[in-house]
């Protein structure tokens, strides 16, 4: 069966929607006609995050804090401590 275009719930346009990303994570879609934003569900965002950031200590909250405390200038500014 042919895939139907997504219809906007606000203006009922069927011209399409563009995907919105926050970094590498898919956040939702935006109507091309009126600009109404539809946020992705929590399950879809978790799935998107798990594809981008694999499970492990480095991507856990404790791992991120450990990286930040090890070299805060590199973590926040991108430049290593000299």
N, C-alpha and C. Protein backbone atom coordinates (compact mmCIF):
# COMPACT_ATOMS: atom_id res chain seq x y z
N UNK A 1 0.84 -1.17 0.00
CA UNK A 1 0.00 0.00 0.00
C UNK A 1 0.89 1.24 0.00
N UNK A 2 0.51 2.23 -0.78
CA UNK A 2 1.30 3.45 -0.89
C UNK A 2 1.24 4.24 0.42
N UNK A 3 2.36 4.81 0.77
CA UNK A 3 2.43 5.60 2.01
C UNK A 3 1.78 6.96 1.78
N UNK A 4 0.82 7.31 2.63
CA UNK A 4 0.13 8.59 2.54
C UNK A 4 1.00 9.68 3.15
N UNK A 5 0.95 10.91 2.59
CA UNK A 5 1.72 12.00 3.20
C UNK A 5 1.14 12.37 4.55
N UNK A 6 2.00 12.83 5.45
CA UNK A 6 1.54 13.26 6.77
C UNK A 6 0.73 14.54 6.64
N UNK A 7 -0.43 14.56 7.25
CA UNK A 7 -1.31 15.73 7.21
C UNK A 7 -1.13 16.52 8.50
N UNK A 8 -1.00 17.82 8.36
CA UNK A 8 -0.84 18.70 9.52
C UNK A 8 -2.13 18.72 10.32
N UNK A 9 -2.03 18.59 11.63
CA UNK A 9 -3.20 18.63 12.49
C UNK A 9 -3.73 20.04 12.71
N UNK A 10 -2.94 21.05 12.35
CA UNK A 10 -3.35 22.44 12.58
C UNK A 10 -4.01 23.04 11.35
N UNK A 11 -3.31 22.98 10.20
CA UNK A 11 -3.84 23.62 8.98
C UNK A 11 -4.37 22.60 7.96
N UNK A 12 -4.20 21.30 8.26
CA UNK A 12 -4.68 20.20 7.41
C UNK A 12 -4.05 20.20 6.03
N UNK A 13 -2.84 20.70 5.92
CA UNK A 13 -2.10 20.69 4.66
C UNK A 13 -1.42 19.34 4.50
N UNK A 14 -1.35 18.86 3.25
CA UNK A 14 -0.68 17.59 2.99
C UNK A 14 0.60 17.79 2.19
N UNK A 15 1.16 18.99 2.22
CA UNK A 15 2.38 19.29 1.46
C UNK A 15 3.61 18.64 2.04
N UNK A 16 3.55 18.20 3.29
CA UNK A 16 4.68 17.51 3.88
C UNK A 16 5.16 18.16 5.17
N UNK A 17 6.09 17.48 5.79
CA UNK A 17 6.66 17.95 7.05
C UNK A 17 8.17 17.78 6.98
N UNK A 18 8.90 18.66 7.63
CA UNK A 18 10.35 18.53 7.69
C UNK A 18 10.74 18.08 9.10
N UNK A 19 11.78 17.28 9.18
CA UNK A 19 12.22 16.73 10.45
C UNK A 19 13.10 17.74 11.17
N UNK A 20 12.89 17.88 12.49
CA UNK A 20 13.67 18.78 13.32
C UNK A 20 14.63 17.93 14.15
N UNK A 21 15.90 18.32 14.15
CA UNK A 21 16.91 17.61 14.93
C UNK A 21 17.46 18.53 16.01
N UNK A 22 17.73 17.96 17.18
CA UNK A 22 18.45 18.66 18.24
C UNK A 22 19.76 17.91 18.36
N UNK A 23 20.80 18.48 17.79
CA UNK A 23 22.07 17.74 17.67
C UNK A 23 21.88 16.62 16.67
N UNK A 24 22.11 15.39 17.10
CA UNK A 24 21.90 14.24 16.24
C UNK A 24 20.60 13.51 16.54
N UNK A 25 19.83 14.03 17.49
CA UNK A 25 18.61 13.36 17.95
C UNK A 25 17.40 13.97 17.25
N UNK A 26 16.53 13.11 16.72
CA UNK A 26 15.32 13.57 16.06
C UNK A 26 14.33 14.04 17.11
N UNK A 27 13.95 15.32 17.05
CA UNK A 27 13.07 15.93 18.06
C UNK A 27 11.60 15.88 17.65
N UNK A 28 11.31 16.06 16.38
CA UNK A 28 9.93 16.09 15.92
C UNK A 28 9.85 16.50 14.47
N UNK A 29 8.66 16.96 14.05
CA UNK A 29 8.46 17.40 12.68
C UNK A 29 7.80 18.77 12.67
N UNK A 30 7.99 19.49 11.56
CA UNK A 30 7.44 20.83 11.42
C UNK A 30 6.71 20.91 10.09
N UNK A 31 5.51 21.47 10.09
CA UNK A 31 4.71 21.63 8.86
C UNK A 31 5.40 22.64 7.95
N UNK A 32 5.48 22.31 6.67
CA UNK A 32 6.12 23.20 5.71
C UNK A 32 5.25 24.43 5.44
N UNK A 33 3.93 24.27 5.52
CA UNK A 33 3.01 25.35 5.19
C UNK A 33 2.86 26.36 6.32
N UNK A 34 2.47 25.89 7.53
CA UNK A 34 2.15 26.83 8.60
C UNK A 34 3.22 26.90 9.69
N UNK A 35 4.13 25.93 9.76
CA UNK A 35 5.19 25.95 10.75
C UNK A 35 4.84 25.33 12.08
N UNK A 36 3.68 24.66 12.17
CA UNK A 36 3.30 24.00 13.42
C UNK A 36 4.24 22.83 13.69
N UNK A 37 4.66 22.69 14.95
CA UNK A 37 5.63 21.66 15.33
C UNK A 37 4.93 20.54 16.08
N UNK A 38 5.26 19.31 15.72
CA UNK A 38 4.75 18.15 16.43
C UNK A 38 5.95 17.44 17.03
N UNK A 39 5.99 17.36 18.37
CA UNK A 39 7.11 16.73 19.07
C UNK A 39 7.00 15.22 18.96
N UNK A 40 8.16 14.58 18.85
CA UNK A 40 8.20 13.12 18.81
C UNK A 40 7.81 12.58 20.19
N UNK A 41 7.32 11.34 20.22
CA UNK A 41 6.95 10.75 21.49
C UNK A 41 8.20 10.42 22.29
N UNK A 42 8.02 10.19 23.59
CA UNK A 42 9.15 9.90 24.46
C UNK A 42 9.85 8.62 24.02
N UNK A 43 9.08 7.63 23.60
CA UNK A 43 9.65 6.36 23.14
C UNK A 43 10.50 6.56 21.88
N UNK A 44 10.02 7.38 20.93
CA UNK A 44 10.78 7.64 19.70
C UNK A 44 12.09 8.37 20.02
N UNK A 45 12.04 9.34 20.96
CA UNK A 45 13.26 10.06 21.31
C UNK A 45 14.26 9.15 22.01
N UNK A 46 13.80 8.27 22.90
CA UNK A 46 14.70 7.33 23.57
C UNK A 46 15.36 6.41 22.55
N UNK A 47 14.59 5.94 21.57
CA UNK A 47 15.14 5.08 20.52
C UNK A 47 16.19 5.83 19.70
N UNK A 48 15.92 7.10 19.39
CA UNK A 48 16.86 7.91 18.64
C UNK A 48 18.15 8.14 19.43
N UNK A 49 18.03 8.39 20.73
CA UNK A 49 19.20 8.60 21.58
C UNK A 49 20.03 7.33 21.67
N UNK A 50 19.36 6.18 21.80
CA UNK A 50 20.11 4.92 21.92
C UNK A 50 20.86 4.58 20.64
N UNK A 51 20.38 5.04 19.49
CA UNK A 51 21.09 4.82 18.23
C UNK A 51 22.31 5.72 18.12
N UNK A 52 22.21 6.94 18.65
CA UNK A 52 23.30 7.92 18.55
C UNK A 52 24.35 7.68 19.62
N UNK A 53 23.93 7.48 20.87
CA UNK A 53 24.85 7.32 21.99
C UNK A 53 24.70 5.91 22.56
N UNK A 54 25.63 5.01 22.28
CA UNK A 54 25.51 3.64 22.79
C UNK A 54 25.56 3.60 24.31
N UNK A 55 24.95 2.57 24.86
CA UNK A 55 24.89 2.40 26.31
C UNK A 55 26.28 2.13 26.85
N UNK A 56 26.63 2.75 27.92
CA UNK A 56 27.94 2.56 28.55
C UNK A 56 28.22 3.66 29.56
N UNK A 57 29.33 3.51 30.27
CA UNK A 57 29.67 4.48 31.31
C UNK A 57 29.91 5.87 30.75
N UNK A 58 30.53 5.96 29.56
CA UNK A 58 30.86 7.27 28.99
C UNK A 58 29.62 8.12 28.72
N UNK A 59 28.49 7.50 28.41
CA UNK A 59 27.28 8.24 28.08
C UNK A 59 26.27 8.27 29.22
N UNK A 60 26.62 7.72 30.36
CA UNK A 60 25.74 7.78 31.52
C UNK A 60 25.93 9.14 32.20
N UNK A 61 25.00 9.55 33.04
CA UNK A 61 25.18 10.84 33.75
C UNK A 61 26.47 10.90 34.56
N UNK A 62 26.84 9.80 35.22
CA UNK A 62 28.08 9.78 36.00
C UNK A 62 29.30 9.90 35.08
N UNK A 63 29.27 9.25 33.93
CA UNK A 63 30.38 9.33 32.99
C UNK A 63 30.56 10.72 32.42
N UNK A 64 29.45 11.40 32.14
CA UNK A 64 29.52 12.77 31.62
C UNK A 64 30.10 13.70 32.68
N UNK A 65 29.69 13.54 33.93
CA UNK A 65 30.23 14.37 35.02
C UNK A 65 31.71 14.07 35.22
N UNK A 66 32.10 12.79 35.10
CA UNK A 66 33.52 12.43 35.25
C UNK A 66 34.36 13.10 34.16
N UNK A 67 33.85 13.11 32.91
CA UNK A 67 34.57 13.80 31.82
C UNK A 67 34.66 15.29 32.09
N UNK A 68 33.58 15.86 32.60
CA UNK A 68 33.55 17.30 32.86
C UNK A 68 34.55 17.66 33.95
N UNK A 69 34.63 16.86 35.01
CA UNK A 69 35.55 17.16 36.10
C UNK A 69 37.01 16.90 35.73
N UNK A 70 37.24 15.97 34.80
CA UNK A 70 38.60 15.65 34.39
C UNK A 70 39.23 16.84 33.67
N UNK A 71 38.52 17.45 32.73
CA UNK A 71 39.04 18.59 31.98
C UNK A 71 37.87 19.50 31.60
N UNK A 72 37.44 20.41 32.50
CA UNK A 72 36.26 21.23 32.23
C UNK A 72 36.42 22.17 31.03
N UNK A 73 37.61 22.67 30.77
CA UNK A 73 37.79 23.57 29.63
C UNK A 73 37.53 22.85 28.32
N UNK A 74 37.99 21.61 28.19
CA UNK A 74 37.76 20.85 26.97
C UNK A 74 36.29 20.47 26.85
N UNK A 75 35.65 20.12 27.98
CA UNK A 75 34.25 19.70 27.95
C UNK A 75 33.34 20.83 27.49
N UNK A 76 33.54 22.04 28.03
CA UNK A 76 32.65 23.16 27.72
C UNK A 76 33.12 23.97 26.52
N UNK A 77 34.44 24.13 26.34
CA UNK A 77 34.93 25.00 25.28
C UNK A 77 35.47 24.27 24.08
N UNK A 78 35.78 23.01 24.21
CA UNK A 78 36.34 22.24 23.11
C UNK A 78 37.84 22.33 23.01
N UNK A 79 38.47 23.15 23.86
CA UNK A 79 39.93 23.29 23.84
C UNK A 79 40.51 22.59 25.07
N UNK A 80 41.52 21.76 24.90
CA UNK A 80 42.10 21.07 26.06
C UNK A 80 42.89 22.04 26.95
N UNK A 81 43.02 21.64 28.21
CA UNK A 81 43.77 22.44 29.18
C UNK A 81 45.25 22.37 28.83
N UNK A 82 45.93 23.51 28.85
CA UNK A 82 47.36 23.54 28.48
C UNK A 82 48.24 23.39 29.66
